[in-house]
């Protein structure tokens, strides 16, 4: 079994959660999301991010607006909808429960 494959799957499993958290702090441009996720070692590429953003938008969790840029074409900035904020709140509860359960299991030395 390949440990790198398992590590990639673990990161993919929390990617949507992390993206929603990045966006929850305010309007954000996709390349800024990529930079933050990459610096946090949540490895993601544009080919993964953009389809996920589209899926989240179609689900009503995100919206975007175009903003003119002085250094090139207009940029698309994403933000959470009210539904997206509620969805993220529920994911936060699940994350906290999972962390508690996981920590209980991995710290049990018996």
Protein backbone atom coordinates (compact mmCIF):
# COMPACT_ATOMS: atom_id res chain seq x y z
CA UNK A 1 0.00 0.00 0.00
CA UNK A 2 1.27 3.46 -0.90
CA UNK A 3 1.26 6.00 1.96
CA UNK A 4 1.33 8.95 -0.45
CA UNK A 5 -1.99 7.85 -2.00
CA UNK A 6 -3.61 7.71 1.44
CA UNK A 7 -2.20 11.13 2.33
CA UNK A 8 -3.59 12.62 -0.88
CA UNK A 9 -7.02 11.11 -0.16
CA UNK A 10 -6.99 12.53 3.37
CA UNK A 11 -6.20 16.00 2.01
CA UNK A 12 -8.88 15.73 -0.69
CA UNK A 13 -11.41 14.78 1.97
CA UNK A 14 -11.03 18.13 3.71
CA UNK A 15 -10.46 20.32 0.65
CA UNK A 16 -14.05 21.56 0.35
CA UNK A 17 -14.12 22.36 4.08
CA UNK A 18 -10.86 24.33 3.83
CA UNK A 19 -12.01 26.22 0.74
CA UNK A 20 -15.23 27.25 2.44
CA UNK A 21 -13.24 28.49 5.43
CA UNK A 22 -10.91 30.56 3.25
CA UNK A 23 -13.91 32.14 1.53
CA UNK A 24 -15.74 32.70 4.82
CA UNK A 25 -13.23 35.41 5.79
CA UNK A 26 -14.39 37.67 2.95
CA UNK A 27 -14.36 38.01 -0.81
CA UNK A 28 -11.43 36.08 -2.25
CA UNK A 29 -9.83 35.57 -5.63
CA UNK A 30 -9.17 31.98 -6.74
CA UNK A 31 -5.40 32.38 -7.07
CA UNK A 32 -5.27 33.69 -3.48
CA UNK A 33 -7.16 30.56 -2.40
CA UNK A 34 -4.66 28.38 -4.25
CA UNK A 35 -1.76 30.17 -2.58
CA UNK A 36 -3.18 29.79 0.92
CA UNK A 37 -4.12 26.15 0.45
CA UNK A 38 -0.73 25.32 -1.01
CA UNK A 39 1.14 27.11 1.79
CA UNK A 40 -0.91 25.09 4.29
CA UNK A 41 0.12 21.90 2.44
CA UNK A 42 -3.42 21.26 1.23
CA UNK A 43 -2.12 20.59 -2.24
CA UNK A 44 -4.55 21.62 -4.94
CA UNK A 45 -4.26 22.67 -8.58
CA UNK A 46 -6.44 24.93 -10.71
CA UNK A 47 -7.92 21.89 -12.44
CA UNK A 48 -9.29 20.76 -9.08
CA UNK A 49 -10.22 24.15 -7.60
CA UNK A 50 -12.31 25.65 -10.40
CA UNK A 51 -14.69 22.69 -10.86
CA UNK A 52 -15.14 22.55 -7.08
CA UNK A 53 -15.93 26.28 -6.94
CA UNK A 54 -18.46 25.82 -9.75
CA UNK A 55 -20.10 22.91 -7.92
CA UNK A 56 -20.30 24.91 -4.67
CA UNK A 57 -21.80 27.87 -6.56
CA UNK A 58 -24.40 25.68 -8.26
CA UNK A 59 -25.29 24.24 -4.86
CA UNK A 60 -26.05 27.79 -3.67
CA UNK A 61 -23.16 27.94 -1.18
CA UNK A 62 -21.08 30.55 -3.04
CA UNK A 63 -21.62 33.54 -5.22
CA UNK A 64 -19.15 35.67 -7.11
CA UNK A 65 -18.72 39.06 -8.64
CA UNK A 66 -16.44 40.36 -11.34
CA UNK A 67 -14.02 43.13 -10.37
CA UNK A 68 -12.01 45.13 -12.89
CA UNK A 69 -8.25 44.76 -12.57
CA UNK A 70 -5.65 47.38 -13.49
CA UNK A 71 -3.15 44.62 -14.30
CA UNK A 72 -5.20 42.45 -16.65
CA UNK A 73 -8.65 41.01 -17.22
CA UNK A 74 -11.44 41.29 -14.63
CA UNK A 75 -11.15 38.99 -11.63
CA UNK A 76 -13.84 36.79 -10.15
CA UNK A 77 -14.15 37.18 -6.36
CA UNK A 78 -16.03 34.55 -4.37
CA UNK A 79 -17.99 34.87 -1.14
CA UNK A 80 -20.28 32.63 0.87
CA UNK A 81 -24.03 32.95 0.63
CA UNK A 82 -26.17 32.79 3.75
CA UNK A 83 -26.80 29.14 2.90
CA UNK A 84 -23.04 28.65 2.57
CA UNK A 85 -22.44 30.14 6.02
CA UNK A 86 -25.02 27.78 7.53
CA UNK A 87 -23.51 24.83 5.67
CA UNK A 88 -20.02 25.71 6.93
CA UNK A 89 -21.32 26.01 10.48
CA UNK A 90 -22.62 22.44 10.28
CA UNK A 91 -19.30 21.26 8.82
CA UNK A 92 -17.49 22.97 11.72
CA UNK A 93 -19.57 20.95 14.18
CA UNK A 94 -18.77 17.74 12.31
CA UNK A 95 -15.06 18.64 12.15
CA UNK A 96 -14.93 19.24 15.91
CA UNK A 97 -16.65 15.91 16.59
CA UNK A 98 -14.28 14.10 14.22
CA UNK A 99 -11.22 15.69 15.79
CA UNK A 100 -12.39 14.73 19.27
CA UNK A 101 -13.13 11.15 18.20
CA UNK A 102 -9.89 10.79 16.25
CA UNK A 103 -7.79 12.20 19.09
CA UNK A 104 -9.48 9.82 21.51
CA UNK A 105 -8.63 6.86 19.30
CA UNK A 106 -5.05 7.78 18.44
CA UNK A 107 -4.14 8.76 22.00
CA UNK A 108 -5.45 5.49 23.51
CA UNK A 109 -2.27 3.59 24.39
CA UNK A 110 -3.83 0.44 25.85
